[in-house]
N, C-alpha and C. Protein backbone atom coordinates (compact mmCIF):
# COMPACT_ATOMS: atom_id res chain seq x y z
N UNK A 1 -15.70 40.31 -16.29
CA UNK A 1 -16.00 39.37 -16.48
C UNK A 1 -15.94 37.72 -16.36
N UNK A 2 -16.33 36.77 -16.13
CA UNK A 2 -16.33 35.64 -15.65
C UNK A 2 -15.21 35.14 -16.37
N UNK A 3 -15.55 35.01 -18.26
CA UNK A 3 -14.12 33.78 -18.63
C UNK A 3 -12.64 34.72 -18.09
N UNK A 4 -12.08 36.17 -17.77
CA UNK A 4 -10.93 36.90 -16.95
C UNK A 4 -11.21 36.50 -15.71
N UNK A 5 -11.85 35.95 -14.99
CA UNK A 5 -11.51 35.68 -13.53
C UNK A 5 -11.11 34.35 -13.51
N UNK A 6 -12.29 33.41 -14.49
CA UNK A 6 -11.36 31.93 -14.65
C UNK A 6 -10.31 31.50 -14.92
N UNK A 7 -9.83 32.85 -15.59
CA UNK A 7 -8.56 32.57 -16.68
C UNK A 7 -7.39 33.07 -15.43
N UNK A 8 -7.66 34.21 -14.52
CA UNK A 8 -6.81 34.01 -13.26
C UNK A 8 -7.00 32.97 -12.35
N UNK A 9 -7.74 32.59 -12.59
CA UNK A 9 -7.89 31.38 -11.29
C UNK A 9 -7.01 30.24 -11.79
N UNK A 10 -7.45 29.95 -13.20
CA UNK A 10 -6.84 28.73 -13.88
C UNK A 10 -5.22 28.85 -13.33
N UNK A 11 -4.95 30.03 -13.75
CA UNK A 11 -3.23 30.70 -13.98
C UNK A 11 -2.64 30.37 -12.43
N UNK A 12 -3.72 30.29 -10.93
CA UNK A 12 -3.30 30.34 -10.08
C UNK A 12 -3.29 28.71 -9.51
N UNK A 13 -4.16 28.24 -10.01
CA UNK A 13 -3.86 26.69 -9.88
C UNK A 13 -2.44 26.25 -10.86
N UNK A 14 -2.28 26.65 -11.93
CA UNK A 14 -1.16 26.49 -12.77
C UNK A 14 0.15 26.59 -11.53
N UNK A 15 0.33 28.44 -11.27
CA UNK A 15 1.45 28.19 -10.40
C UNK A 15 1.42 27.06 -9.37
N UNK A 16 0.54 26.85 -8.79
CA UNK A 16 0.56 25.80 -7.13
C UNK A 16 0.97 24.65 -7.70
N UNK A 17 0.44 24.16 -9.35
CA UNK A 17 1.00 23.08 -9.65
C UNK A 17 2.17 22.71 -9.74
N UNK A 18 3.12 24.01 -10.24
CA UNK A 18 4.33 24.35 -10.70
C UNK A 18 5.36 24.55 -9.15
N UNK A 19 4.35 25.15 -8.35
CA UNK A 19 5.30 25.36 -6.67
C UNK A 19 5.01 23.76 -6.29
N UNK A 20 4.58 22.58 -6.94
CA UNK A 20 4.52 21.57 -6.12
C UNK A 20 5.29 20.44 -6.88
N UNK A 21 5.42 21.12 -8.05
CA UNK A 21 6.06 19.80 -8.54
C UNK A 21 6.97 19.00 -8.24
N UNK A 22 7.94 19.66 -7.74
CA UNK A 22 9.47 18.68 -7.25
C UNK A 22 9.03 18.15 -6.49
N UNK A 23 7.92 17.77 -5.64
CA UNK A 23 7.68 16.70 -5.05
C UNK A 23 7.11 15.59 -5.46
N UNK A 24 6.78 15.53 -7.05
CA UNK A 24 6.12 14.99 -7.45
C UNK A 24 7.48 14.63 -9.17
N UNK A 25 8.75 14.83 -8.78
CA UNK A 25 9.57 14.47 -9.85
C UNK A 25 9.66 13.30 -9.58
N UNK A 26 9.96 12.28 -8.87
CA UNK A 26 10.33 10.93 -9.14
C UNK A 26 9.09 10.00 -9.54
N UNK A 27 8.39 10.62 -9.21
CA UNK A 27 6.77 9.73 -10.07
C UNK A 27 6.71 10.26 -11.56
N UNK A 28 7.29 11.46 -12.06
CA UNK A 28 7.59 11.54 -13.42
C UNK A 28 8.34 11.12 -14.09
N UNK A 29 9.59 10.20 -13.32
CA UNK A 29 10.47 9.26 -13.73
C UNK A 29 10.10 8.38 -14.33
N UNK A 30 8.37 8.02 -14.09
CA UNK A 30 8.00 6.68 -14.97
C UNK A 30 7.77 7.19 -16.11
N UNK A 31 7.49 8.16 -17.00
CA UNK A 31 7.54 8.53 -17.73
C UNK A 31 6.16 8.05 -18.52
N UNK A 32 4.44 8.17 -18.06
CA UNK A 32 3.51 7.66 -18.78
C UNK A 32 3.41 8.74 -19.49
N UNK A 33 2.83 8.18 -20.59
CA UNK A 33 1.68 9.64 -21.09
C UNK A 33 0.00 9.44 -20.38
N UNK A 34 -0.63 10.79 -20.65
CA UNK A 34 -1.41 11.25 -20.35
C UNK A 34 -2.88 10.07 -19.99
N UNK A 35 -2.54 9.22 -21.58
CA UNK A 35 -3.98 8.47 -21.70
C UNK A 35 -3.33 6.96 -20.74
N UNK A 36 -2.10 6.72 -20.86
CA UNK A 36 -1.79 5.48 -19.91
C UNK A 36 -1.51 5.96 -18.66
N UNK A 37 -1.43 7.22 -17.82
CA UNK A 37 -1.78 7.08 -16.41
C UNK A 37 -3.42 7.71 -16.40
N UNK A 38 -4.11 8.02 -16.86
CA UNK A 38 -5.68 7.60 -17.34
C UNK A 38 -5.76 6.40 -16.76
N UNK A 39 -5.44 5.29 -17.50
CA UNK A 39 -5.77 4.07 -18.03
C UNK A 39 -5.56 3.44 -16.19
N UNK A 40 -4.34 3.86 -15.67
CA UNK A 40 -3.72 3.38 -14.63
C UNK A 40 -4.69 3.85 -13.09
N UNK A 41 -5.26 4.87 -13.51
CA UNK A 41 -6.21 5.67 -12.51
C UNK A 41 -7.29 4.64 -12.48
N UNK A 42 -7.76 4.70 -13.64
CA UNK A 42 -8.91 3.49 -13.76
C UNK A 42 -8.45 2.36 -13.10
N UNK A 43 -7.59 1.31 -12.54
CA UNK A 43 -7.45 0.78 -12.65
C UNK A 43 -6.82 0.47 -11.27
N UNK A 44 -6.72 1.67 -10.75
CA UNK A 44 -5.95 2.25 -9.46
C UNK A 44 -7.56 2.04 -8.92
N UNK A 45 -8.41 2.94 -8.92
CA UNK A 45 -9.40 3.16 -8.48
C UNK A 45 -10.47 2.29 -7.89
N UNK A 46 -10.61 0.87 -9.37
CA UNK A 46 -11.43 0.34 -9.70
C UNK A 46 -11.20 -1.08 -8.74
N UNK A 47 -9.47 -1.47 -8.69
CA UNK A 47 -8.92 -2.66 -8.53
C UNK A 47 -8.82 -3.49 -9.67
N UNK A 48 -9.77 -4.04 -10.53
CA UNK A 48 -10.04 -4.90 -11.66
C UNK A 48 -11.15 -4.45 -12.55
N UNK A 49 -10.93 -4.37 -13.85
CA UNK A 49 -11.56 -3.63 -14.94
C UNK A 49 -10.95 -4.35 -16.33
N UNK A 50 -11.95 -4.93 -17.02
CA UNK A 50 -12.27 -5.74 -18.34
C UNK A 50 -11.46 -4.94 -19.29
N UNK A 51 -10.86 -5.39 -20.53
CA UNK A 51 -10.62 -4.31 -21.44
C UNK A 51 -12.01 -3.65 -21.84
N UNK A 52 -12.94 -4.24 -22.17
CA UNK A 52 -13.94 -3.38 -22.15
C UNK A 52 -14.23 -2.49 -21.61
N UNK A 53 -14.60 -2.55 -20.27
CA UNK A 53 -15.04 -1.56 -19.32
C UNK A 53 -14.33 -0.49 -19.52
N UNK A 54 -12.60 -0.49 -19.43
CA UNK A 54 -11.23 0.05 -19.64
C UNK A 54 -11.65 0.89 -20.96
N UNK A 55 -11.86 0.43 -22.16
CA UNK A 55 -12.53 0.85 -23.21
C UNK A 55 -13.75 2.09 -23.44
N UNK A 56 -14.93 1.59 -22.27
CA UNK A 56 -15.97 2.67 -22.37
C UNK A 56 -15.67 3.70 -21.29
N UNK A 57 -14.93 3.76 -20.43
CA UNK A 57 -14.52 4.72 -19.48
C UNK A 57 -13.55 5.46 -20.48
N UNK A 58 -13.20 5.13 -21.10
CA UNK A 58 -11.69 6.07 -21.95
C UNK A 58 -12.09 6.63 -23.20
N UNK A 59 -13.99 5.72 -23.31
CA UNK A 59 -14.33 6.03 -24.76
C UNK A 59 -13.48 6.10 -25.58
N UNK A 60 -13.07 4.86 -25.98
CA UNK A 60 -11.60 4.11 -27.06
C UNK A 60 -12.23 2.94 -27.36
N UNK A 61 -11.73 2.37 -28.34
CA UNK A 61 -12.24 1.60 -28.93
C UNK A 61 -11.28 0.50 -28.37
N UNK A 62 -11.60 -1.35 -28.46
CA UNK A 62 -11.69 -2.07 -27.44
C UNK A 62 -9.50 -2.27 -28.42
N UNK A 63 -9.12 -2.18 -29.28
CA UNK A 63 -8.04 -1.82 -29.49
C UNK A 63 -7.30 -1.34 -29.78
N UNK A 64 -7.61 0.16 -29.32
CA UNK A 64 -6.62 1.13 -29.28
C UNK A 64 -6.08 0.97 -27.88
N UNK A 65 -7.53 0.65 -26.60
CA UNK A 65 -7.16 0.18 -25.41
C UNK A 65 -5.72 -1.05 -24.69
N UNK A 66 -6.08 -1.88 -26.04
CA UNK A 66 -5.31 -2.90 -25.87
C UNK A 66 -3.57 -2.26 -26.51
N UNK A 67 -3.53 -1.64 -27.86
CA UNK A 67 -2.44 -1.41 -27.72
C UNK A 67 -1.66 -0.34 -26.72
N UNK A 68 -1.98 0.36 -25.97
CA UNK A 68 -1.57 1.30 -24.65
C UNK A 68 -1.60 0.14 -23.47
N UNK A 69 -2.37 -0.74 -23.45
CA UNK A 69 -2.33 -1.85 -22.55
C UNK A 69 -1.16 -2.52 -22.68
N UNK A 70 -0.45 -3.12 -23.88
CA UNK A 70 0.88 -4.31 -24.50
C UNK A 70 1.82 -3.22 -23.82
N UNK A 71 1.95 -1.49 -23.94
CA UNK A 71 3.10 -1.03 -23.72
C UNK A 71 3.14 -0.78 -21.99
N UNK A 72 2.35 -0.63 -21.27
CA UNK A 72 1.71 -0.48 -19.95
C UNK A 72 2.33 -2.43 -19.46
N UNK A 73 1.82 -3.36 -20.13
CA UNK A 73 1.91 -4.48 -19.16
C UNK A 73 3.91 -4.84 -19.53
N UNK A 74 4.18 -4.20 -20.42
CA UNK A 74 5.90 -4.91 -20.94
C UNK A 74 6.46 -4.01 -19.80
N UNK A 75 5.99 -2.82 -18.88
CA UNK A 75 7.06 -2.06 -18.47
C UNK A 75 6.62 -2.91 -17.08
N UNK A 76 5.20 -3.63 -16.69
CA UNK A 76 4.75 -4.37 -15.75
C UNK A 76 4.28 -3.64 -14.59
N UNK A 77 3.55 -2.71 -15.47
CA UNK A 77 2.74 -1.06 -14.53
C UNK A 77 1.16 -2.35 -14.65
N UNK A 78 1.01 -3.12 -15.40
CA UNK A 78 -0.34 -3.46 -15.50
C UNK A 78 -0.68 -5.07 -15.66
N UNK A 79 -1.21 -5.90 -15.15
CA UNK A 79 -1.34 -7.22 -15.83
C UNK A 79 -2.54 -7.55 -16.16
N UNK A 80 -2.62 -8.44 -17.39
CA UNK A 80 -3.75 -9.04 -18.19
C UNK A 80 -3.84 -10.66 -17.84
N UNK A 81 -5.46 -11.10 -17.53
CA UNK A 81 -5.56 -12.35 -17.13
C UNK A 81 -7.10 -12.71 -17.30
N UNK A 82 -6.82 -13.76 -18.09
CA UNK A 82 -8.27 -13.98 -18.23
C UNK A 82 -9.41 -14.31 -17.43
N UNK A 83 -10.32 -13.79 -17.86
CA UNK A 83 -11.63 -13.72 -16.59
C UNK A 83 -12.06 -14.68 -15.89
N UNK A 84 -12.14 -15.27 -14.71
CA UNK A 84 -12.43 -16.92 -14.38
C UNK A 84 -13.51 -16.73 -15.01
N UNK A 85 -14.72 -16.11 -14.89
CA UNK A 85 -16.30 -16.10 -15.48
C UNK A 85 -16.65 -16.03 -16.56
N UNK A 86 -15.52 -15.77 -17.60
CA UNK A 86 -15.65 -15.71 -19.38
C UNK A 86 -14.50 -15.66 -19.94
N UNK A 87 -14.17 -16.85 -20.39
CA UNK A 87 -12.92 -16.76 -20.99
C UNK A 87 -12.67 -15.41 -22.25
N UNK A 88 -13.86 -15.21 -22.55
CA UNK A 88 -13.92 -14.06 -23.33
C UNK A 88 -13.17 -12.48 -23.11
N UNK A 89 -13.34 -12.66 -21.74
CA UNK A 89 -12.76 -11.20 -21.39
C UNK A 89 -11.67 -11.31 -20.63
N UNK A 90 -10.99 -10.49 -20.57
CA UNK A 90 -9.95 -10.36 -20.08
C UNK A 90 -9.60 -9.26 -18.84
N UNK A 91 -9.46 -9.53 -17.81
CA UNK A 91 -9.20 -8.73 -16.61
C UNK A 91 -8.16 -7.69 -16.82
N UNK A 92 -7.65 -6.90 -16.10
CA UNK A 92 -6.90 -5.76 -16.02
C UNK A 92 -6.42 -5.46 -14.72
N UNK A 93 -5.01 -5.46 -14.23
CA UNK A 93 -5.26 -5.61 -12.82
C UNK A 93 -3.85 -4.72 -12.67
N UNK A 94 -3.08 -3.79 -11.29
CA UNK A 94 -2.00 -3.05 -11.67
C UNK A 94 -1.27 -3.96 -11.52
N UNK A 95 0.14 -3.86 -12.11
CA UNK A 95 1.53 -5.15 -12.00
C UNK A 95 2.72 -4.66 -11.19
N UNK A 96 3.66 -4.99 -10.70
CA UNK A 96 4.15 -4.48 -9.51
C UNK A 96 4.38 -3.25 -9.51
N UNK A 97 5.04 -2.57 -10.89
CA UNK A 97 5.25 -1.05 -11.38
C UNK A 97 4.13 -0.19 -11.31
N UNK A 98 3.07 -0.64 -11.16
CA UNK A 98 1.96 -0.54 -10.84
C UNK A 98 1.75 0.34 -9.39
N UNK A 99 1.61 -0.66 -9.07
CA UNK A 99 2.01 -0.68 -7.21
C UNK A 99 2.07 0.41 -6.79
N UNK A 100 3.52 -0.60 -7.25
CA UNK A 100 4.86 0.79 -6.95
C UNK A 100 4.31 2.09 -6.83
N UNK A 101 4.30 2.55 -8.05
CA UNK A 101 3.89 3.82 -8.33
C UNK A 101 2.74 4.31 -7.52
N UNK A 102 1.61 3.82 -7.25
CA UNK A 102 0.69 4.32 -6.26
C UNK A 102 1.48 4.42 -4.85
N UNK A 103 2.15 3.73 -4.53
CA UNK A 103 2.39 3.40 -2.91
C UNK A 103 3.35 5.02 -3.09
N UNK A 104 4.16 5.06 -4.04
CA UNK A 104 4.67 6.10 -4.37
C UNK A 104 4.03 7.36 -4.33
N UNK A 105 3.11 7.83 -4.83
CA UNK A 105 1.92 8.57 -5.06
C UNK A 105 1.46 9.08 -3.63
N UNK A 106 0.92 8.10 -3.15
CA UNK A 106 0.58 8.16 -1.39
C UNK A 106 1.62 9.05 -0.54
N UNK A 107 2.43 8.09 -0.94
CA UNK A 107 3.88 8.47 0.37
C UNK A 107 4.06 10.18 -0.19
N UNK A 108 3.70 10.16 -1.46
CA UNK A 108 4.09 11.95 -1.68
C UNK A 108 3.19 12.77 -1.00
N UNK A 109 1.49 12.92 -1.87
CA UNK A 109 0.87 13.13 -1.14
C UNK A 109 0.38 13.57 0.67
N UNK A 110 0.96 12.14 1.02
CA UNK A 110 0.76 12.31 2.07
C UNK A 110 2.05 13.99 2.89
N UNK A 111 2.59 13.73 2.01
CA UNK A 111 4.03 14.88 2.18
C UNK A 111 3.21 16.15 2.02
N UNK A 112 2.74 16.24 0.60
CA UNK A 112 2.45 18.12 0.19
C UNK A 112 0.82 17.93 1.53
N UNK A 113 0.54 17.02 1.83
CA UNK A 113 -0.70 17.47 2.74
C UNK A 113 0.21 17.54 3.96
N UNK A 114 0.79 17.37 4.68
CA UNK A 114 1.96 17.69 5.91
C UNK A 114 2.15 18.65 5.93
N UNK A 115 2.97 19.44 4.94
CA UNK A 115 3.84 20.72 4.46
C UNK A 115 3.05 21.83 4.67
N UNK A 116 2.31 21.37 2.91
CA UNK A 116 1.39 22.61 2.99
C UNK A 116 -0.55 22.98 3.39
N UNK A 117 -0.85 21.87 3.07
CA UNK A 117 -2.43 21.67 3.34
C UNK A 117 -2.77 21.72 4.95
N UNK A 118 -2.09 21.37 5.70
CA UNK A 118 -2.24 20.96 6.65
C UNK A 118 -2.36 22.52 7.76
N UNK A 119 -1.81 23.44 7.16
CA UNK A 119 -1.80 24.94 7.12
C UNK A 119 -2.95 25.53 7.05
N UNK A 120 -3.93 24.61 6.44
CA UNK A 120 -5.37 26.10 6.50
C UNK A 120 -5.97 25.09 7.41
N UNK A 121 -7.14 26.21 7.69
CA UNK A 121 -7.68 25.81 8.70
C UNK A 121 -9.26 25.16 8.48
N UNK A 122 -9.94 24.52 8.82
CA UNK A 122 -10.81 23.38 8.60
C UNK A 122 -12.48 24.04 7.88
N UNK A 123 -12.40 25.42 7.94
CA UNK A 123 -13.42 26.21 7.53
C UNK A 123 -12.89 26.12 5.63
N UNK A 124 -11.45 26.82 5.35
CA UNK A 124 -11.34 26.41 4.21
C UNK A 124 -10.97 25.38 3.41
N UNK A 125 -10.53 24.40 4.20
CA UNK A 125 -10.63 23.09 3.58
C UNK A 125 -12.15 22.65 3.25
N UNK A 126 -13.11 22.66 4.16
CA UNK A 126 -14.26 23.03 3.64
C UNK A 126 -15.36 23.82 2.40
N UNK A 127 -14.38 24.75 2.61
CA UNK A 127 -14.85 25.53 1.36
C UNK A 127 -14.64 25.20 0.14
N UNK A 128 -13.26 24.32 -0.22
CA UNK A 128 -12.17 23.91 -1.06
C UNK A 128 -13.30 22.23 -1.45
N UNK A 129 -13.18 22.10 -0.57
CA UNK A 129 -14.28 20.48 -1.02
C UNK A 129 -15.26 20.48 -1.45
N UNK A 130 -16.11 21.70 -0.83
CA UNK A 130 -17.27 22.09 -1.51
C UNK A 130 -17.31 22.61 -3.41
N UNK A 131 -16.43 23.42 -3.44
CA UNK A 131 -16.38 23.70 -4.70
C UNK A 131 -15.66 23.38 -5.53
N UNK A 132 -14.80 22.19 -5.25
CA UNK A 132 -14.24 21.00 -5.82
C UNK A 132 -15.69 20.36 -6.75
N UNK A 133 -16.26 19.76 -5.10
CA UNK A 133 -17.57 18.74 -5.77
C UNK A 133 -18.20 19.22 -6.93
N UNK A 134 -18.99 20.92 -6.35
CA UNK A 134 -19.59 21.22 -7.03
C UNK A 134 -18.95 21.72 -8.92
N UNK A 135 -17.73 21.61 -9.11
CA UNK A 135 -17.42 22.37 -10.58
C UNK A 135 -17.85 20.42 -10.94
N UNK A 136 -17.28 19.57 -10.66
CA UNK A 136 -17.33 18.24 -10.71
C UNK A 136 -18.79 17.97 -10.80
N UNK A 137 -19.48 18.11 -10.21
CA UNK A 137 -21.06 18.08 -10.32
C UNK A 137 -21.89 18.80 -11.62
N UNK A 138 -21.16 20.15 -12.04
CA UNK A 138 -22.10 20.81 -12.85
C UNK A 138 -21.18 20.35 -14.38
N UNK A 139 -19.64 19.73 -14.58
CA UNK A 139 -19.74 19.16 -15.88
C UNK A 139 -20.00 17.68 -15.63
N UNK A 140 -20.40 17.06 -14.99
CA UNK A 140 -20.74 15.44 -15.15
C UNK A 140 -22.49 16.02 -15.67
N UNK A 141 -23.25 16.50 -14.87
CA UNK A 141 -24.52 16.98 -15.27
C UNK A 141 -24.52 17.66 -17.12
N UNK A 142 -23.91 18.23 -17.04
CA UNK A 142 -23.61 19.13 -18.62
C UNK A 142 -22.99 18.16 -19.70
N UNK A 143 -21.87 17.38 -19.28
CA UNK A 143 -21.86 16.26 -20.04
C UNK A 143 -23.10 15.06 -20.69
N UNK A 144 -23.93 14.82 -19.39
CA UNK A 144 -24.65 13.56 -19.19
C UNK A 144 -25.84 14.06 -20.32
N UNK A 145 -26.06 15.75 -19.98
CA UNK A 145 -26.66 16.17 -21.58
C UNK A 145 -26.76 16.02 -22.87
N UNK A 146 -25.24 16.18 -22.63
CA UNK A 146 -25.08 15.92 -24.16
C UNK A 146 -25.50 14.89 -24.49
N UNK A 147 -24.77 13.92 -23.99
CA UNK A 147 -25.31 12.53 -24.50
C UNK A 147 -26.66 11.83 -24.39
N UNK A 148 -27.35 12.84 -23.60
CA UNK A 148 -28.82 12.24 -23.40
C UNK A 148 -29.24 11.57 -22.64
N UNK A 149 -28.58 11.71 -21.41
CA UNK A 149 -28.87 10.75 -20.17
C UNK A 149 -29.67 11.56 -19.48
């Protein structure tokens, strides 16, 4: 049965995450909530986003995003500035702690890849990459159907 197989796969993925957790302990000390971490990830990926763009990406109201941003700004994880093209818009970028956090992520990821994933042959990596991309493709396609896109 598919549900049982997927449950076993998810358990194995959880075991992998637990096994690697000790490498990420320093990152966990930053104590970000899941929503704060997701905001940080969006900003990291895009470099700069407006409050409204973040709200859209997070499927939240701009006021709810602003509350989360206030906490992140107080901790120097992000910076808010007035958009140079439209004074009505607020641009959000990574702050000093945000840059520090992503530099740390990059370093830890390199160590994990070097210590563990480098032991896998190219064929296994190719298969893994294919499967992960395929899962993402199916999820996006199904979510777009629900939204009517």
